[in-house]
Amino acid sequence: MGHDTQVVAQNKTQFEYARRKRSKAMQMQVVTFAIMIFLTFVAFAAVASGMSAFYVGPVLLLLAAVQVVLQLYYFMHMSDKGHNVAAFFLYSGALFGFTFVITFLTIVWW
């Protein structure tokens, strides 16, 4: 053991609270994972259905955007406290990227 190692003893109530909180977080990650698997199956079904590319393309982009948000929020722990600065930079970067793409498409198609 190092000299700076601290041992924190928890009473039973604190231990049970932390255990329930971790269990709830794990349940939310499993549910989110199941939702993302379902969205992936929907995307494969849309492509395999033989529908028009003008319909399938935007649907795939929408499903991808939903999955990105779910991954950032739950798997990258953006829902936890103390991630406000990282979330700010991440979302502002996404906003600038989206604005750049829209501007580029407008210049090309105008």
N, C-alpha and C. Protein backbone atom coordinates (compact mmCIF):
# COMPACT_ATOMS: atom_id res chain seq x y z
N MET A 1 0.82 -1.19 0.00
CA MET A 1 0.00 0.00 0.00
C MET A 1 0.87 1.25 0.00
N GLY A 2 0.44 2.24 -0.72
CA GLY A 2 1.15 3.50 -0.75
C GLY A 2 0.79 4.34 0.46
N HIS A 3 1.55 5.38 0.65
CA HIS A 3 1.32 6.26 1.79
C HIS A 3 0.10 7.14 1.57
N ASP A 4 -0.27 7.40 0.33
CA ASP A 4 -1.39 8.29 0.05
C ASP A 4 -2.70 7.55 -0.16
N THR A 5 -2.71 6.26 0.06
CA THR A 5 -3.92 5.48 -0.15
C THR A 5 -4.87 5.68 1.01
N GLN A 6 -6.11 6.01 0.67
CA GLN A 6 -7.13 6.19 1.70
C GLN A 6 -8.13 5.06 1.61
N VAL A 7 -8.51 4.58 2.76
CA VAL A 7 -9.53 3.54 2.83
C VAL A 7 -10.79 4.20 3.36
N VAL A 8 -11.86 4.14 2.55
CA VAL A 8 -13.12 4.76 2.94
C VAL A 8 -14.09 3.65 3.30
N ALA A 9 -14.56 3.68 4.51
CA ALA A 9 -15.52 2.68 4.96
C ALA A 9 -16.92 3.24 4.79
N GLN A 10 -17.79 2.44 4.20
CA GLN A 10 -19.17 2.84 4.01
C GLN A 10 -20.05 2.04 4.95
N ASN A 11 -21.08 2.70 5.44
CA ASN A 11 -22.02 1.92 6.23
C ASN A 11 -22.96 1.18 5.28
N LYS A 12 -23.79 0.36 5.81
CA LYS A 12 -24.65 -0.51 5.00
C LYS A 12 -25.61 0.30 4.12
N THR A 13 -26.14 1.40 4.65
CA THR A 13 -27.07 2.22 3.88
C THR A 13 -26.39 2.85 2.67
N GLN A 14 -25.18 3.38 2.86
CA GLN A 14 -24.45 3.97 1.75
C GLN A 14 -24.10 2.92 0.70
N PHE A 15 -23.72 1.75 1.16
CA PHE A 15 -23.37 0.66 0.25
C PHE A 15 -24.58 0.25 -0.59
N GLU A 16 -25.73 0.10 0.05
CA GLU A 16 -26.95 -0.29 -0.67
C GLU A 16 -27.39 0.78 -1.66
N TYR A 17 -27.26 2.05 -1.25
CA TYR A 17 -27.62 3.14 -2.16
C TYR A 17 -26.72 3.12 -3.41
N ALA A 18 -25.41 2.98 -3.19
CA ALA A 18 -24.48 2.95 -4.32
C ALA A 18 -24.74 1.73 -5.20
N ARG A 19 -25.07 0.62 -4.60
CA ARG A 19 -25.36 -0.60 -5.36
C ARG A 19 -26.60 -0.44 -6.22
N ARG A 20 -27.67 0.15 -5.65
CA ARG A 20 -28.89 0.39 -6.43
C ARG A 20 -28.64 1.38 -7.57
N LYS A 21 -27.85 2.40 -7.28
CA LYS A 21 -27.55 3.39 -8.31
C LYS A 21 -26.76 2.77 -9.46
N ARG A 22 -25.77 1.94 -9.16
CA ARG A 22 -25.01 1.25 -10.21
C ARG A 22 -25.90 0.28 -10.98
N SER A 23 -26.80 -0.39 -10.27
CA SER A 23 -27.72 -1.33 -10.93
C SER A 23 -28.65 -0.59 -11.89
N LYS A 24 -29.16 0.55 -11.47
CA LYS A 24 -30.05 1.35 -12.33
C LYS A 24 -29.29 1.83 -13.57
N ALA A 25 -28.04 2.27 -13.39
CA ALA A 25 -27.23 2.72 -14.52
C ALA A 25 -26.98 1.57 -15.50
N MET A 26 -26.70 0.39 -14.99
CA MET A 26 -26.48 -0.76 -15.85
C MET A 26 -27.75 -1.14 -16.61
N GLN A 27 -28.89 -1.07 -15.94
CA GLN A 27 -30.16 -1.36 -16.62
C GLN A 27 -30.40 -0.38 -17.76
N MET A 28 -30.11 0.90 -17.53
CA MET A 28 -30.31 1.89 -18.59
C MET A 28 -29.36 1.63 -19.76
N GLN A 29 -28.13 1.20 -19.50
CA GLN A 29 -27.22 0.90 -20.58
C GLN A 29 -27.68 -0.31 -21.39
N VAL A 30 -28.22 -1.32 -20.71
CA VAL A 30 -28.72 -2.50 -21.42
C VAL A 30 -29.93 -2.14 -22.27
N VAL A 31 -30.83 -1.34 -21.72
CA VAL A 31 -32.03 -0.92 -22.48
C VAL A 31 -31.61 -0.07 -23.68
N THR A 32 -30.66 0.84 -23.48
CA THR A 32 -30.18 1.67 -24.59
C THR A 32 -29.52 0.81 -25.67
N PHE A 33 -28.75 -0.18 -25.25
CA PHE A 33 -28.12 -1.08 -26.21
C PHE A 33 -29.18 -1.84 -27.01
N ALA A 34 -30.23 -2.30 -26.34
CA ALA A 34 -31.32 -3.00 -27.04
C ALA A 34 -32.01 -2.08 -28.04
N ILE A 35 -32.21 -0.83 -27.66
CA ILE A 35 -32.84 0.13 -28.58
C ILE A 35 -31.96 0.35 -29.80
N MET A 36 -30.65 0.45 -29.59
CA MET A 36 -29.75 0.65 -30.72
C MET A 36 -29.70 -0.57 -31.64
N ILE A 37 -29.77 -1.76 -31.08
CA ILE A 37 -29.83 -2.97 -31.90
C ILE A 37 -31.12 -2.97 -32.72
N PHE A 38 -32.23 -2.59 -32.10
CA PHE A 38 -33.51 -2.50 -32.81
C PHE A 38 -33.43 -1.49 -33.95
N LEU A 39 -32.83 -0.32 -33.69
CA LEU A 39 -32.70 0.69 -34.75
C LEU A 39 -31.81 0.20 -35.89
N THR A 40 -30.81 -0.60 -35.56
CA THR A 40 -29.97 -1.18 -36.60
C THR A 40 -30.76 -2.15 -37.46
N PHE A 41 -31.59 -2.98 -36.83
CA PHE A 41 -32.44 -3.89 -37.60
C PHE A 41 -33.42 -3.13 -38.48
N VAL A 42 -33.96 -2.02 -37.97
CA VAL A 42 -34.86 -1.20 -38.78
C VAL A 42 -34.10 -0.64 -40.00
N ALA A 43 -32.86 -0.21 -39.80
CA ALA A 43 -32.07 0.31 -40.91
C ALA A 43 -31.81 -0.77 -41.96
N PHE A 44 -31.44 -1.98 -41.51
CA PHE A 44 -31.23 -3.07 -42.46
C PHE A 44 -32.52 -3.43 -43.19
N ALA A 45 -33.63 -3.41 -42.48
CA ALA A 45 -34.92 -3.71 -43.12
C ALA A 45 -35.28 -2.65 -44.15
N ALA A 46 -34.98 -1.39 -43.86
CA ALA A 46 -35.28 -0.31 -44.81
C ALA A 46 -34.46 -0.48 -46.08
N VAL A 47 -33.20 -0.87 -45.93
CA VAL A 47 -32.35 -1.06 -47.11
C VAL A 47 -32.79 -2.30 -47.89
N ALA A 48 -33.12 -3.38 -47.18
CA ALA A 48 -33.48 -4.63 -47.84
C ALA A 48 -34.88 -4.60 -48.44
N SER A 49 -35.69 -3.63 -48.06
CA SER A 49 -37.08 -3.61 -48.54
C SER A 49 -37.18 -3.19 -50.00
N GLY A 50 -36.15 -2.58 -50.52
CA GLY A 50 -36.19 -2.18 -51.93
C GLY A 50 -36.91 -0.86 -52.16
N MET A 51 -37.09 -0.07 -51.13
CA MET A 51 -37.74 1.24 -51.28
C MET A 51 -36.83 2.20 -52.02
N SER A 52 -37.38 3.32 -52.39
CA SER A 52 -36.64 4.33 -53.12
C SER A 52 -35.48 4.86 -52.27
N ALA A 53 -34.38 5.16 -52.92
CA ALA A 53 -33.21 5.69 -52.21
C ALA A 53 -33.49 7.07 -51.63
N PHE A 54 -34.44 7.80 -52.24
CA PHE A 54 -34.79 9.12 -51.73
C PHE A 54 -35.54 9.02 -50.40
N TYR A 55 -36.10 7.86 -50.11
CA TYR A 55 -36.76 7.63 -48.82
C TYR A 55 -35.80 6.99 -47.82
N VAL A 56 -35.05 6.01 -48.28
CA VAL A 56 -34.18 5.25 -47.38
C VAL A 56 -33.03 6.11 -46.86
N GLY A 57 -32.48 6.96 -47.68
CA GLY A 57 -31.35 7.80 -47.28
C GLY A 57 -31.64 8.66 -46.06
N PRO A 58 -32.69 9.48 -46.10
CA PRO A 58 -33.00 10.29 -44.92
C PRO A 58 -33.38 9.46 -43.69
N VAL A 59 -34.03 8.33 -43.90
CA VAL A 59 -34.38 7.47 -42.76
C VAL A 59 -33.12 6.94 -42.11
N LEU A 60 -32.15 6.52 -42.91
CA LEU A 60 -30.89 6.02 -42.36
C LEU A 60 -30.14 7.12 -41.62
N LEU A 61 -30.14 8.33 -42.16
CA LEU A 61 -29.47 9.44 -41.47
C LEU A 61 -30.16 9.77 -40.15
N LEU A 62 -31.48 9.70 -40.12
CA LEU A 62 -32.21 9.95 -38.88
C LEU A 62 -31.91 8.87 -37.84
N LEU A 63 -31.91 7.62 -38.26
CA LEU A 63 -31.60 6.53 -37.33
C LEU A 63 -30.17 6.63 -36.82
N ALA A 64 -29.25 7.03 -37.69
CA ALA A 64 -27.86 7.20 -37.27
C ALA A 64 -27.73 8.34 -36.26
N ALA A 65 -28.44 9.42 -36.48
CA ALA A 65 -28.40 10.55 -35.54
C ALA A 65 -28.94 10.15 -34.17
N VAL A 66 -30.02 9.38 -34.16
CA VAL A 66 -30.59 8.92 -32.88
C VAL A 66 -29.58 8.03 -32.16
N GLN A 67 -28.91 7.16 -32.90
CA GLN A 67 -27.93 6.28 -32.27
C GLN A 67 -26.73 7.05 -31.74
N VAL A 68 -26.30 8.07 -32.44
CA VAL A 68 -25.18 8.89 -31.95
C VAL A 68 -25.56 9.57 -30.64
N VAL A 69 -26.75 10.12 -30.58
CA VAL A 69 -27.19 10.78 -29.35
C VAL A 69 -27.29 9.78 -28.21
N LEU A 70 -27.84 8.61 -28.46
CA LEU A 70 -27.92 7.59 -27.41
C LEU A 70 -26.54 7.15 -26.93
N GLN A 71 -25.62 6.98 -27.86
CA GLN A 71 -24.28 6.57 -27.46
C GLN A 71 -23.58 7.65 -26.66
N LEU A 72 -23.71 8.90 -27.08
CA LEU A 72 -23.07 9.97 -26.32
C LEU A 72 -23.68 10.11 -24.94
N TYR A 73 -24.98 10.03 -24.86
CA TYR A 73 -25.65 10.30 -23.60
C TYR A 73 -25.46 9.18 -22.59
N TYR A 74 -25.54 7.94 -23.02
CA TYR A 74 -25.47 6.84 -22.07
C TYR A 74 -24.11 6.17 -22.02
N PHE A 75 -23.52 5.83 -23.15
CA PHE A 75 -22.27 5.08 -23.13
C PHE A 75 -21.05 5.96 -22.90
N MET A 76 -21.12 7.23 -23.27
CA MET A 76 -20.02 8.15 -23.00
C MET A 76 -20.26 8.91 -21.70
N HIS A 77 -21.29 8.56 -20.97
CA HIS A 77 -21.60 9.08 -19.64
C HIS A 77 -21.81 10.59 -19.63
N MET A 78 -22.39 11.12 -20.69
CA MET A 78 -22.70 12.55 -20.71
C MET A 78 -23.88 12.87 -19.80
N SER A 79 -24.60 11.87 -19.36
CA SER A 79 -25.72 12.10 -18.45
C SER A 79 -25.25 12.27 -17.01
N ASP A 80 -23.99 11.94 -16.72
CA ASP A 80 -23.46 12.07 -15.37
C ASP A 80 -23.14 13.52 -15.05
N LYS A 81 -23.08 13.83 -13.77
CA LYS A 81 -22.72 15.18 -13.35
C LYS A 81 -21.23 15.41 -13.59
N GLY A 82 -20.87 16.67 -13.82
CA GLY A 82 -19.48 17.03 -14.00
C GLY A 82 -18.97 16.92 -15.42
N HIS A 83 -19.84 16.66 -16.39
CA HIS A 83 -19.43 16.56 -17.78
C HIS A 83 -19.97 17.72 -18.60
N ASN A 84 -20.24 18.83 -17.96
CA ASN A 84 -20.86 19.95 -18.67
C ASN A 84 -19.92 20.58 -19.69
N VAL A 85 -18.64 20.74 -19.34
CA VAL A 85 -17.69 21.38 -20.25
C VAL A 85 -17.46 20.48 -21.47
N ALA A 86 -17.27 19.19 -21.23
CA ALA A 86 -17.07 18.25 -22.35
C ALA A 86 -18.31 18.21 -23.24
N ALA A 87 -19.49 18.19 -22.63
CA ALA A 87 -20.73 18.19 -23.42
C ALA A 87 -20.87 19.47 -24.22
N PHE A 88 -20.51 20.60 -23.62
CA PHE A 88 -20.58 21.88 -24.34
C PHE A 88 -19.71 21.86 -25.60
N PHE A 89 -18.45 21.42 -25.44
CA PHE A 89 -17.55 21.40 -26.59
C PHE A 89 -18.00 20.37 -27.63
N LEU A 90 -18.51 19.26 -27.19
CA LEU A 90 -18.96 18.23 -28.11
C LEU A 90 -20.16 18.71 -28.92
N TYR A 91 -21.15 19.28 -28.24
CA TYR A 91 -22.35 19.74 -28.93
C TYR A 91 -22.09 20.97 -29.78
N SER A 92 -21.20 21.87 -29.32
CA SER A 92 -20.89 23.03 -30.16
C SER A 92 -20.12 22.60 -31.41
N GLY A 93 -19.24 21.59 -31.28
CA GLY A 93 -18.56 21.06 -32.45
C GLY A 93 -19.52 20.42 -33.43
N ALA A 94 -20.51 19.69 -32.90
CA ALA A 94 -21.53 19.09 -33.76
C ALA A 94 -22.36 20.18 -34.45
N LEU A 95 -22.66 21.25 -33.74
CA LEU A 95 -23.41 22.36 -34.34
C LEU A 95 -22.61 23.03 -35.46
N PHE A 96 -21.32 23.27 -35.21
CA PHE A 96 -20.49 23.86 -36.26
C PHE A 96 -20.36 22.92 -37.46
N GLY A 97 -20.20 21.65 -37.21
CA GLY A 97 -20.12 20.68 -38.30
C GLY A 97 -21.40 20.64 -39.11
N PHE A 98 -22.54 20.63 -38.43
CA PHE A 98 -23.83 20.63 -39.12
C PHE A 98 -24.00 21.91 -39.94
N THR A 99 -23.63 23.05 -39.35
CA THR A 99 -23.71 24.32 -40.07
C THR A 99 -22.80 24.32 -41.30
N PHE A 100 -21.61 23.75 -41.18
CA PHE A 100 -20.70 23.67 -42.32
C PHE A 100 -21.29 22.83 -43.44
N VAL A 101 -21.87 21.69 -43.10
CA VAL A 101 -22.45 20.82 -44.12
C VAL A 101 -23.63 21.50 -44.80
N ILE A 102 -24.50 22.13 -44.03
CA ILE A 102 -25.65 22.83 -44.62
C ILE A 102 -25.17 23.98 -45.52
N THR A 103 -24.17 24.72 -45.06
CA THR A 103 -23.63 25.82 -45.88
C THR A 103 -23.03 25.30 -47.17
N PHE A 104 -22.26 24.23 -47.09
CA PHE A 104 -21.65 23.65 -48.28
C PHE A 104 -22.71 23.16 -49.26
N LEU A 105 -23.74 22.48 -48.75
CA LEU A 105 -24.80 22.00 -49.63
C LEU A 105 -25.57 23.16 -50.26
N THR A 106 -25.76 24.22 -49.50
CA THR A 106 -26.47 25.38 -50.05
C THR A 106 -25.66 26.04 -51.16
N ILE A 107 -24.35 26.16 -50.97
CA ILE A 107 -23.50 26.79 -51.99
C ILE A 107 -23.47 25.92 -53.25
N VAL A 108 -23.39 24.61 -53.08
CA VAL A 108 -23.31 23.72 -54.23
C VAL A 108 -24.63 23.71 -55.00
N TRP A 109 -25.74 23.66 -54.30
CA TRP A 109 -27.03 23.51 -54.96
C TRP A 109 -27.71 24.82 -55.32
N TRP A 110 -27.18 25.94 -54.92
CA TRP A 110 -27.85 27.20 -55.20
C TRP A 110 -27.54 27.65 -56.56
